[in-house]
Amino acid sequence: MAEGSAAPRFSIGRFSENELVLFDEHKQESWIIYPPRSLYDFLPVRRHSKNITLVEHHPWAPFTLTRDHQLRAQDACLVHGLACPANEAVQAAVDLGFDPFA
């Protein structure tokens, strides 16, 4: 690693056409990115439309609920906008060559 460069925040848990799972060991949480092309049976009830990227935030602490973030490329998170913490996971996905919006 070059001097002055930080270690990557996320490690890859799974990289497939349907999802990207990113682990943040330091914060003890996972981010699961389901792009619009993902056709899992459980997704239609969790996203408002077929062009939504669903980002699931999963803290590792016991009894902590997961939280869905719905994103569109043109709007960012539909609830949190550009301030959404899911944006960092989406940027990491892009940096890894995973298209979160296709």
PDB file of N, CA and C in Angstrom:
ATOM      1  N   MET A   1       0.846  -1.178   0.000  1.00  0.00           N
ATOM      2  CA  MET A   1       0.000   0.000   0.000  1.00  0.00           C
ATOM      3  C   MET A   1       0.888   1.236   0.000  1.00  0.00           C
ATOM      4  N   ALA A   2       0.555   2.216  -0.813  1.00  0.00           N
ATOM      5  CA  ALA A   2       1.350   3.429  -0.915  1.00  0.00           C
ATOM      6  C   ALA A   2       1.247   4.240   0.373  1.00  0.00           C
ATOM      7  N   GLU A   3       2.340   4.958   0.657  1.00  0.00           N
ATOM      8  CA  GLU A   3       2.342   5.780   1.857  1.00  0.00           C
ATOM      9  C   GLU A   3       1.265   6.856   1.753  1.00  0.00           C
ATOM     10  N   GLY A   4       0.510   7.054   2.806  1.00  0.00           N
ATOM     11  CA  GLY A   4      -0.535   8.060   2.825  1.00  0.00           C
ATOM     12  C   GLY A   4      -1.879   7.575   2.323  1.00  0.00           C
ATOM     13  N   SER A   5      -1.932   6.379   1.742  1.00  0.00           N
ATOM     14  CA  SER A   5      -3.231   5.881   1.276  1.00  0.00           C
ATOM     15  C   SER A   5      -3.855   5.020   2.367  1.00  0.00           C
ATOM     16  N   ALA A   6      -5.142   5.160   2.515  1.00  0.00           N
ATOM     17  CA  ALA A   6      -5.862   4.425   3.550  1.00  0.00           C
ATOM     18  C   ALA A   6      -6.257   3.044   3.045  1.00  0.00           C
ATOM     19  N   ALA A   7      -6.416   2.127   3.972  1.00  0.00           N
ATOM     20  CA  ALA A   7      -6.911   0.794   3.615  1.00  0.00           C
ATOM     21  C   ALA A   7      -8.356   0.931   3.153  1.00  0.00           C
ATOM     22  N   PRO A   8      -8.790   0.085   2.237  1.00  0.00           N
ATOM     23  CA  PRO A   8     -10.189   0.153   1.796  1.00  0.00           C
ATOM     24  C   PRO A   8     -11.137  -0.048   2.977  1.00  0.00           C
ATOM     25  N   ARG A   9     -12.227   0.693   2.972  1.00  0.00           N
ATOM     26  CA  ARG A   9     -13.200   0.584   4.061  1.00  0.00           C
ATOM     27  C   ARG A   9     -13.950  -0.732   4.000  1.00  0.00           C
ATOM     28  N   PHE A  10     -14.282  -1.178   2.793  1.00  0.00           N
ATOM     29  CA  PHE A  10     -15.130  -2.352   2.617  1.00  0.00           C
ATOM     30  C   PHE A  10     -14.340  -3.540   2.084  1.00  0.00           C
ATOM     31  N   SER A  11     -14.735  -4.722   2.525  1.00  0.00           N
ATOM     32  CA  SER A  11     -14.245  -5.950   1.899  1.00  0.00           C
ATOM     33  C   SER A  11     -15.444  -6.620   1.235  1.00  0.00           C
ATOM     34  N   ILE A  12     -15.172  -7.387   0.204  1.00  0.00           N
ATOM     35  CA  ILE A  12     -16.242  -8.018  -0.565  1.00  0.00           C
ATOM     36  C   ILE A  12     -16.646  -9.327   0.091  1.00  0.00           C
ATOM     37  N   GLY A  13     -17.924  -9.455   0.391  1.00  0.00           N
ATOM     38  CA  GLY A  13     -18.474 -10.700   0.921  1.00  0.00           C
ATOM     39  C   GLY A  13     -19.030 -11.572  -0.187  1.00  0.00           C
ATOM     40  N   ARG A  14     -19.621 -10.926  -1.190  1.00  0.00           N
ATOM     41  CA  ARG A  14     -20.181 -11.642  -2.338  1.00  0.00           C
ATOM     42  C   ARG A  14     -20.311 -10.651  -3.485  1.00  0.00           C
ATOM     43  N   PHE A  15     -19.955 -11.098  -4.681  1.00  0.00           N
ATOM     44  CA  PHE A  15     -20.045 -10.270  -5.881  1.00  0.00           C
ATOM     45  C   PHE A  15     -20.682 -11.130  -6.952  1.00  0.00           C
ATOM     46  N   SER A  16     -21.939 -10.839  -7.293  1.00  0.00           N
ATOM     47  CA  SER A  16     -22.630 -11.590  -8.342  1.00  0.00           C
ATOM     48  C   SER A  16     -23.454 -10.611  -9.171  1.00  0.00           C
ATOM     49  N   GLU A  17     -24.079 -11.105 -10.199  1.00  0.00           N
ATOM     50  CA  GLU A  17     -24.922 -10.257 -11.040  1.00  0.00           C
ATOM     51  C   GLU A  17     -26.120  -9.708 -10.249  1.00  0.00           C
ATOM     52  N   ASN A  18     -26.594 -10.451  -9.267  1.00  0.00           N
ATOM     53  CA  ASN A  18     -27.794 -10.080  -8.511  1.00  0.00           C
ATOM     54  C   ASN A  18     -27.546  -9.232  -7.273  1.00  0.00           C
ATOM     55  N   GLU A  19     -26.330  -9.279  -6.738  1.00  0.00           N
ATOM     56  CA  GLU A  19     -26.075  -8.550  -5.494  1.00  0.00           C
ATOM     57  C   GLU A  19     -24.588  -8.359  -5.270  1.00  0.00           C
ATOM     58  N   LEU A  20     -24.289  -7.350  -4.472  1.00  0.00           N
ATOM     59  CA  LEU A  20     -22.943  -7.130  -3.981  1.00  0.00           C
ATOM     60  C   LEU A  20     -23.054  -6.974  -2.474  1.00  0.00           C
ATOM     61  N   VAL A  21     -22.318  -7.795  -1.743  1.00  0.00           N
ATOM     62  CA  VAL A  21     -22.307  -7.724  -0.283  1.00  0.00           C
ATOM     63  C   VAL A  21     -20.961  -7.154   0.136  1.00  0.00           C
ATOM     64  N   LEU A  22     -21.010  -6.065   0.866  1.00  0.00           N
ATOM     65  CA  LEU A  22     -19.806  -5.406   1.356  1.00  0.00           C
ATOM     66  C   LEU A  22     -19.781  -5.454   2.879  1.00  0.00           C
ATOM     67  N   PHE A  23     -18.627  -5.783   3.430  1.00  0.00           N
ATOM     68  CA  PHE A  23     -18.437  -5.822   4.878  1.00  0.00           C
ATOM     69  C   PHE A  23     -17.586  -4.630   5.302  1.00  0.00           C
ATOM     70  N   ASP A  24     -17.996  -3.973   6.366  1.00  0.00           N
ATOM     71  CA  ASP A  24     -17.208  -2.928   7.003  1.00  0.00           C
ATOM     72  C   ASP A  24     -16.826  -3.469   8.379  1.00  0.00           C
ATOM     73  N   GLU A  25     -15.646  -4.043   8.457  1.00  0.00           N
ATOM     74  CA  GLU A  25     -15.192  -4.684   9.703  1.00  0.00           C
ATOM     75  C   GLU A  25     -15.087  -3.668  10.841  1.00  0.00           C
ATOM     76  N   HIS A  26     -14.575  -2.482  10.536  1.00  0.00           N
ATOM     77  CA  HIS A  26     -14.378  -1.474  11.576  1.00  0.00           C
ATOM     78  C   HIS A  26     -15.709  -1.059  12.216  1.00  0.00           C
ATOM     79  N   LYS A  27     -16.713  -0.811  11.392  1.00  0.00           N
ATOM     80  CA  LYS A  27     -18.027  -0.406  11.913  1.00  0.00           C
ATOM     81  C   LYS A  27     -18.926  -1.587  12.242  1.00  0.00           C
ATOM     82  N   GLN A  28     -18.470  -2.787  11.934  1.00  0.00           N
ATOM     83  CA  GLN A  28     -19.214  -4.023  12.179  1.00  0.00           C
ATOM     84  C   GLN A  28     -20.623  -3.945  11.582  1.00  0.00           C
ATOM     85  N   GLU A  29     -20.630  -3.822  10.253  1.00  0.00           N
ATOM     86  CA  GLU A  29     -21.883  -3.760   9.521  1.00  0.00           C
ATOM     87  C   GLU A  29     -21.674  -4.254   8.098  1.00  0.00           C
ATOM     88  N   SER A  30     -22.768  -4.634   7.477  1.00  0.00           N
ATOM     89  CA  SER A  30     -22.759  -5.074   6.085  1.00  0.00           C
ATOM     90  C   SER A  30     -23.701  -4.193   5.283  1.00  0.00           C
ATOM     91  N   TRP A  31     -23.380  -4.074   4.001  1.00  0.00           N
ATOM     92  CA  TRP A  31     -24.227  -3.371   3.044  1.00  0.00           C
ATOM     93  C   TRP A  31     -24.472  -4.329   1.894  1.00  0.00           C
ATOM     94  N   ILE A  32     -25.728  -4.609   1.597  1.00  0.00           N
ATOM     95  CA  ILE A  32     -26.074  -5.508   0.497  1.00  0.00           C
ATOM     96  C   ILE A  32     -26.776  -4.672  -0.564  1.00  0.00           C
ATOM     97  N   ILE A  33     -26.207  -4.662  -1.754  1.00  0.00           N
ATOM     98  CA  ILE A  33     -26.724  -3.841  -2.845  1.00  0.00           C
ATOM     99  C   ILE A  33     -27.426  -4.738  -3.848  1.00  0.00           C
ATOM    100  N   TYR A  34     -28.711  -4.479  -4.049  1.00  0.00           N
ATOM    101  CA  TYR A  34     -29.527  -5.206  -5.023  1.00  0.00           C
ATOM    102  C   TYR A  34     -29.878  -4.240  -6.155  1.00  0.00           C
ATOM    103  N   PRO A  35     -29.227  -4.352  -7.313  1.00  0.00           N
ATOM    104  CA  PRO A  35     -29.537  -3.452  -8.428  1.00  0.00           C
ATOM    105  C   PRO A  35     -30.895  -3.788  -9.049  1.00  0.00           C
ATOM    106  N   PRO A  36     -31.418  -2.898  -9.890  1.00  0.00           N
ATOM    107  CA  PRO A  36     -32.712  -3.168 -10.535  1.00  0.00           C
ATOM    108  C   PRO A  36     -32.752  -4.488 -11.307  1.00  0.00           C
ATOM    109  N   ARG A  37     -31.620  -4.927 -11.845  1.00  0.00           N
ATOM    110  CA  ARG A  37     -31.592  -6.180 -12.616  1.00  0.00           C
ATOM    111  C   ARG A  37     -31.769  -7.416 -11.734  1.00  0.00           C
ATOM    112  N   SER A  38     -31.614  -7.262 -10.425  1.00  0.00           N
ATOM    113  CA  SER A  38     -31.746  -8.382  -9.500  1.00  0.00           C
ATOM    114  C   SER A  38     -33.203  -8.826  -9.434  1.00  0.00           C
ATOM    115  N   LEU A  39     -33.436 -10.121  -9.602  1.00  0.00           N
ATOM    116  CA  LEU A  39     -34.799 -10.641  -9.697  1.00  0.00           C
ATOM    117  C   LEU A  39     -35.179 -11.569  -8.544  1.00  0.00           C
ATOM    118  N   TYR A  40     -34.584 -11.388  -7.385  1.00  0.00           N
ATOM    119  CA  TYR A  40     -34.960 -12.217  -6.245  1.00  0.00           C
ATOM    120  C   TYR A  40     -36.444 -12.041  -5.940  1.00  0.00           C
ATOM    121  N   ASP A  41     -37.086 -13.116  -5.511  1.00  0.00           N
ATOM    122  CA  ASP A  41     -38.529 -13.103  -5.238  1.00  0.00           C
ATOM    123  C   ASP A  41     -38.937 -12.114  -4.144  1.00  0.00           C
ATOM    124  N   PHE A  42     -38.068 -11.848  -3.192  1.00  0.00           N
ATOM    125  CA  PHE A  42     -38.426 -10.989  -2.064  1.00  0.00           C
ATOM    126  C   PHE A  42     -38.297  -9.494  -2.376  1.00  0.00           C
ATOM    127  N   LEU A  43     -37.703  -9.137  -3.493  1.00  0.00           N
ATOM    128  CA  LEU A  43     -37.447  -7.724  -3.764  1.00  0.00           C
ATOM    129  C   LEU A  43     -38.675  -6.890  -4.143  1.00  0.00           C
ATOM    130  N   PRO A  44     -39.628  -7.407  -4.906  1.00  0.00           N
ATOM    131  CA  PRO A  44     -40.760  -6.542  -5.293  1.00  0.00           C
ATOM    132  C   PRO A  44     -41.508  -5.911  -4.118  1.00  0.00           C
ATOM    133  N   VAL A  45     -41.602  -6.578  -3.002  1.00  0.00           N
ATOM    134  CA  VAL A  45     -42.310  -5.994  -1.854  1.00  0.00           C
ATOM    135  C   VAL A  45     -41.448  -4.992  -1.088  1.00  0.00           C
ATOM    136  N   ARG A  46     -40.156  -4.964  -1.374  1.00  0.00           N
ATOM    137  CA  ARG A  46     -39.243  -4.083  -0.641  1.00  0.00           C
ATOM    138  C   ARG A  46     -38.833  -2.837  -1.419  1.00  0.00           C
ATOM    139  N   ARG A  47     -39.121  -2.789  -2.704  1.00  0.00           N
ATOM    140  CA  ARG A  47     -38.781  -1.584  -3.458  1.00  0.00           C
ATOM    141  C   ARG A  47     -39.998  -1.069  -4.214  1.00  0.00           C
ATOM    142  N   HIS A  48     -40.091   0.247  -4.303  1.00  0.00           N
ATOM    143  CA  HIS A  48     -41.270   0.910  -4.866  1.00  0.00           C
ATOM    144  C   HIS A  48     -41.448   0.680  -6.358  1.00  0.00           C
ATOM    145  N   SER A  49     -40.356   0.533  -7.083  1.00  0.00           N
ATOM    146  CA  SER A  49     -40.459   0.322  -8.525  1.00  0.00           C
ATOM    147  C   SER A  49     -39.274  -0.499  -9.011  1.00  0.00           C
ATOM    148  N   LYS A  50     -39.361  -0.958 -10.236  1.00  0.00           N
ATOM    149  CA  LYS A  50     -38.327  -1.828 -10.798  1.00  0.00           C
ATOM    150  C   LYS A  50     -37.028  -1.091 -11.098  1.00  0.00           C
ATOM    151  N   ASN A  51     -37.047   0.235 -11.126  1.00  0.00           N
ATOM    152  CA  ASN A  51     -35.813   0.974 -11.411  1.00  0.00           C
ATOM    153  C   ASN A  51     -35.084   1.426 -10.142  1.00  0.00           C
ATOM    154  N   ILE A  52     -35.501   0.910  -9.008  1.00  0.00           N
ATOM    155  CA  ILE A  52     -34.894   1.249  -7.718  1.00  0.00           C
ATOM    156  C   ILE A  52     -33.757   0.276  -7.397  1.00  0.00           C
ATOM    157  N   THR A  53     -32.650   0.834  -6.914  1.00  0.00           N
ATOM    158  CA  THR A  53     -31.586   0.027  -6.330  1.00  0.00           C
ATOM    159  C   THR A  53     -31.864  -0.046  -4.835  1.00  0.00           C
ATOM    160  N   LEU A  54     -31.946  -1.249  -4.318  1.00  0.00           N
ATOM    161  CA  LEU A  54     -32.195  -1.438  -2.896  1.00  0.00           C
ATOM    162  C   LEU A  54     -30.861  -1.710  -2.205  1.00  0.00           C
ATOM    163  N   VAL A  55     -30.559  -0.931  -1.188  1.00  0.00           N
ATOM    164  CA  VAL A  55     -29.344  -1.122  -0.398  1.00  0.00           C
ATOM    165  C   VAL A  55     -29.778  -1.452   1.025  1.00  0.00           C
ATOM    166  N   GLU A  56     -29.441  -2.654   1.452  1.00  0.00           N
ATOM    167  CA  GLU A  56     -29.803  -3.111   2.795  1.00  0.00           C
ATOM    168  C   GLU A  56     -28.629  -2.887   3.734  1.00  0.00           C
ATOM    169  N   HIS A  57     -28.873  -2.142   4.795  1.00  0.00           N
ATOM    170  CA  HIS A  57     -27.860  -1.903   5.824  1.00  0.00           C
ATOM    171  C   HIS A  57     -28.100  -2.902   6.948  1.00  0.00           C
ATOM    172  N   HIS A  58     -27.070  -3.657   7.263  1.00  0.00           N
ATOM    173  CA  HIS A  58     -27.215  -4.724   8.253  1.00  0.00           C
ATOM    174  C   HIS A  58     -26.138  -4.581   9.337  1.00  0.00           C
ATOM    175  N   PRO A  59     -26.452  -3.895  10.455  1.00  0.00           N
ATOM    176  CA  PRO A  59     -25.505  -3.848  11.571  1.00  0.00           C
ATOM    177  C   PRO A  59     -25.332  -5.247  12.165  1.00  0.00           C
ATOM    178  N   TRP A  60     -24.155  -5.532  12.664  1.00  0.00           N
ATOM    179  CA  TRP A  60     -23.866  -6.859  13.201  1.00  0.00           C
ATOM    180  C   TRP A  60     -24.254  -7.008  14.667  1.00  0.00           C
ATOM    181  N   ALA A  61     -24.605  -5.943  15.327  1.00  0.00           N
ATOM    182  CA  ALA A  61     -24.961  -6.020  16.746  1.00  0.00           C
ATOM    183  C   ALA A  61     -26.229  -6.853  16.921  1.00  0.00           C
ATOM    184  N   PRO A  62     -26.281  -7.664  17.966  1.00  0.00           N
ATOM    185  CA  PRO A  62     -27.483  -8.467  18.210  1.00  0.00           C
ATOM    186  C   PRO A  62     -28.719  -7.583  18.388  1.00  0.00           C
ATOM    187  N   PHE A  63     -29.836  -8.090  17.922  1.00  0.00           N
ATOM    188  CA  PHE A  63     -31.141  -7.441  18.065  1.00  0.00           C
ATOM    189  C   PHE A  63     -31.245  -6.103  17.324  1.00  0.00           C
ATOM    190  N   THR A  64     -30.344  -5.862  16.393  1.00  0.00           N
ATOM    191  CA  THR A  64     -30.392  -4.647  15.594  1.00  0.00           C
ATOM    192  C   THR A  64     -31.117  -4.946  14.292  1.00  0.00           C
ATOM    193  N   LEU A  65     -32.067  -4.113  13.947  1.00  0.00           N
ATOM    194  CA  LEU A  65     -32.843  -4.317  12.728  1.00  0.00           C
ATOM    195  C   LEU A  65     -32.067  -3.866  11.496  1.00  0.00           C
ATOM    196  N   THR A  66     -32.313  -4.546  10.393  1.00  0.00           N
ATOM    197  CA  THR A  66     -31.755  -4.097   9.123  1.00  0.00           C
ATOM    198  C   THR A  66     -32.597  -2.928   8.618  1.00  0.00           C
ATOM    199  N   ARG A  67     -32.010  -2.160   7.728  1.00  0.00           N
ATOM    200  CA  ARG A  67     -32.697  -0.980   7.211  1.00  0.00           C
ATOM    201  C   ARG A  67     -32.497  -0.908   5.707  1.00  0.00           C
ATOM    202  N   ASP A  68     -33.581  -0.737   4.980  1.00  0.00           N
ATOM    203  CA  ASP A  68     -33.519  -0.612   3.529  1.00  0.00           C
ATOM    204  C   ASP A  68     -33.392   0.852   3.122  1.00  0.00           C
ATOM    205  N   HIS A  69     -32.546   1.083   2.120  1.00  0.00           N
ATOM    206  CA  HIS A  69     -32.412   2.392   1.493  1.00  0.00           C
ATOM    207  C   HIS A  69     -32.736   2.195   0.020  1.00  0.00           C
ATOM    208  N   GLN A  70     -33.675   2.962  -0.489  1.00  0.00           N
ATOM    209  CA  GLN A  70     -34.051   2.871  -1.894  1.00  0.00           C
ATOM    210  C   GLN A  70     -33.400   4.034  -2.634  1.00  0.00           C
ATOM    211  N   LEU A  71     -32.633   3.697  -3.674  1.00  0.00           N
ATOM    212  CA  LEU A  71     -31.889   4.716  -4.399  1.00  0.00           C
ATOM    213  C   LEU A  71     -32.207   4.684  -5.887  1.00  0.00           C
ATOM    214  N   ARG A  72     -32.201   5.867  -6.480  1.00  0.00           N
ATOM    215  CA  ARG A  72     -32.237   6.026  -7.930  1.00  0.00           C
ATOM    216  C   ARG A  72     -31.016   6.849  -8.299  1.00  0.00           C
ATOM    217  N   ALA A  73     -30.416   6.552  -9.426  1.00  0.00           N
ATOM    218  CA  ALA A  73     -29.196   7.246  -9.837  1.00  0.00           C
ATOM    219  C   ALA A  73     -29.392   8.763  -9.875  1.00  0.00           C
ATOM    220  N   GLN A  74     -30.532   9.220 -10.343  1.00  0.00           N
ATOM    221  CA  GLN A  74     -30.763  10.660 -10.483  1.00  0.00           C
ATOM    222  C   GLN A  74     -31.148  11.346  -9.176  1.00  0.00           C
ATOM    223  N   ASP A  75     -31.590  10.593  -8.165  1.00  0.00           N
ATOM    224  CA  ASP A  75     -32.095  11.202  -6.932  1.00  0.00           C
ATOM    225  C   ASP A  75     -31.329  10.835  -5.668  1.00  0.00           C
ATOM    226  N   ALA A  76     -30.437   9.885  -5.746  1.00  0.00           N
ATOM    227  CA  ALA A  76     -29.790   9.322  -4.553  1.00  0.00           C
ATOM    228  C   ALA A  76     -30.851   8.612  -3.708  1.00  0.00           C
ATOM    229  N   CYS A  77     -30.679   8.567  -2.411  1.00  0.00           N
ATOM    230  CA  CYS A  77     -31.626   7.874  -1.531  1.00  0.00           C
ATOM    231  C   CYS A  77     -32.950   8.635  -1.504  1.00  0.00           C
ATOM    232  N   LEU A  78     -34.041   7.909  -1.640  1.00  0.00           N
ATOM    233  CA  LEU A  78     -35.355   8.553  -1.690  1.00  0.00           C
ATOM    234  C   LEU A  78     -35.754   9.180  -0.359  1.00  0.00           C
ATOM    235  N   VAL A  79     -35.144   8.743   0.740  1.00  0.00           N
ATOM    236  CA  VAL A  79     -35.457   9.296   2.060  1.00  0.00           C
ATOM    237  C   VAL A  79     -34.379  10.273   2.534  1.00  0.00           C
ATOM    238  N   HIS A  80     -33.121   9.892   2.389  1.00  0.00           N
ATOM    239  CA  HIS A  80     -32.020  10.667   2.966  1.00  0.00           C
ATOM    240  C   HIS A  80     -31.269  11.545   1.969  1.00  0.00           C
ATOM    241  N   GLY A  81     -31.553  11.406   0.677  1.00  0.00           N
ATOM    242  CA  GLY A  81     -30.855  12.204  -0.329  1.00  0.00           C
ATOM    243  C   GLY A  81     -29.365  11.917  -0.356  1.00  0.00           C
ATOM    244  N   LEU A  82     -28.577  12.951  -0.605  1.00  0.00           N
ATOM    245  CA  LEU A  82     -27.129  12.789  -0.723  1.00  0.00           C
ATOM    246  C   LEU A  82     -26.446  12.519   0.612  1.00  0.00           C
ATOM    247  N   ALA A  83     -27.120  12.796   1.716  1.00  0.00           N
ATOM    248  CA  ALA A  83     -26.538  12.566   3.042  1.00  0.00           C
ATOM    249  C   ALA A  83     -26.659  11.113   3.491  1.00  0.00           C
ATOM    250  N   CYS A  84     -27.235  10.263   2.678  1.00  0.00           N
ATOM    251  CA  CYS A  84     -27.479   8.866   3.055  1.00  0.00           C
ATOM    252  C   CYS A  84     -26.166   8.093   3.206  1.00  0.00           C
ATOM    253  N   PRO A  85     -26.017   7.347   4.285  1.00  0.00           N
ATOM    254  CA  PRO A  85     -24.805   6.536   4.453  1.00  0.00           C
ATOM    255  C   PRO A  85     -24.680   5.421   3.417  1.00  0.00           C
ATOM    256  N   ALA A  86     -25.769   5.038   2.776  1.00  0.00           N
ATOM    257  CA  ALA A  86     -25.706   4.006   1.732  1.00  0.00           C
ATOM    258  C   ALA A  86     -24.928   4.482   0.515  1.00  0.00           C
ATOM    259  N   ASN A  87     -24.801   5.797   0.341  1.00  0.00           N
ATOM    260  CA  ASN A  87     -24.067   6.323  -0.810  1.00  0.00           C
ATOM    261  C   ASN A  87     -22.609   5.874  -0.811  1.00  0.00           C
ATOM    262  N   GLU A  88     -22.006   5.721   0.356  1.00  0.00           N
ATOM    263  CA  GLU A  88     -20.618   5.257   0.428  1.00  0.00           C
ATOM    264  C   GLU A  88     -20.499   3.827  -0.083  1.00  0.00           C
ATOM    265  N   ALA A  89     -21.461   2.990   0.250  1.00  0.00           N
ATOM    266  CA  ALA A  89     -21.452   1.612  -0.240  1.00  0.00           C
ATOM    267  C   ALA A  89     -21.669   1.581  -1.747  1.00  0.00           C
ATOM    268  N   VAL A  90     -22.553   2.431  -2.248  1.00  0.00           N
ATOM    269  CA  VAL A  90     -22.795   2.495  -3.692  1.00  0.00           C
ATOM    270  C   VAL A  90     -21.538   2.973  -4.416  1.00  0.00           C
ATOM    271  N   GLN A  91     -20.846   3.966  -3.874  1.00  0.00           N
ATOM    272  CA  GLN A  91     -19.605   4.432  -4.499  1.00  0.00           C
ATOM    273  C   GLN A  91     -18.545   3.338  -4.485  1.00  0.00           C
ATOM    274  N   ALA A  92     -18.456   2.591  -3.399  1.00  0.00           N
ATOM    275  CA  ALA A  92     -17.516   1.468  -3.341  1.00  0.00           C
ATOM    276  C   ALA A  92     -17.861   0.433  -4.402  1.00  0.00           C
ATOM    277  N   ALA A  93     -19.149   0.185  -4.618  1.00  0.00           N
ATOM    278  CA  ALA A  93     -19.579  -0.765  -5.651  1.00  0.00           C
ATOM    279  C   ALA A  93     -19.107  -0.306  -7.021  1.00  0.00           C
ATOM    280  N   VAL A  94     -19.303   0.958  -7.322  1.00  0.00           N
ATOM    281  CA  VAL A  94     -18.866   1.513  -8.606  1.00  0.00           C
ATOM    282  C   VAL A  94     -17.352   1.377  -8.746  1.00  0.00           C
ATOM    283  N   ASP A  95     -16.621   1.691  -7.689  1.00  0.00           N
ATOM    284  CA  ASP A  95     -15.158   1.584  -7.713  1.00  0.00           C
ATOM    285  C   ASP A  95     -14.692   0.155  -7.969  1.00  0.00           C
ATOM    286  N   LEU A  96     -15.503  -0.822  -7.559  1.00  0.00           N
ATOM    287  CA  LEU A  96     -15.169  -2.236  -7.762  1.00  0.00           C
ATOM    288  C   LEU A  96     -15.605  -2.755  -9.131  1.00  0.00           C
ATOM    289  N   GLY A  97     -16.292  -1.922  -9.911  1.00  0.00           N
ATOM    290  CA  GLY A  97     -16.759  -2.347 -11.224  1.00  0.00           C
ATOM    291  C   GLY A  97     -18.150  -2.956 -11.225  1.00  0.00           C
ATOM    292  N   PHE A  98     -18.881  -2.817 -10.141  1.00  0.00           N
ATOM    293  CA  PHE A  98     -20.250  -3.318 -10.030  1.00  0.00           C
ATOM    294  C   PHE A  98     -21.191  -2.168 -10.361  1.00  0.00           C
ATOM    295  N   ASP A  99     -22.092  -2.364 -11.312  1.00  0.00           N
ATOM    296  CA  ASP A  99     -23.036  -1.311 -11.679  1.00  0.00           C
ATOM    297  C   ASP A  99     -24.284  -1.428 -10.810  1.00  0.00           C
ATOM    298  N   PRO A 100     -24.453  -0.544  -9.830  1.00  0.00           N
ATOM    299  CA  PRO A 100     -25.586  -0.658  -8.915  1.00  0.00           C
ATOM    300  C   PRO A 100     -26.903  -0.148  -9.484  1.00  0.00           C
ATOM    301  N   PHE A 101     -26.883   0.436 -10.677  1.00  0.00           N
ATOM    302  CA  PHE A 101     -28.100   1.037 -11.215  1.00  0.00           C
ATOM    303  C   PHE A 101     -28.601   0.391 -12.497  1.00  0.00           C
ATOM    304  N   ALA A 102     -27.976  -0.676 -12.942  1.00  0.00           N
ATOM    305  CA  ALA A 102     -28.414  -1.342 -14.187  1.00  0.00           C
ATOM    306  C   ALA A 102     -29.362  -2.476 -13.878  1.00  0.00           C
TER     307      ALA A 102
END
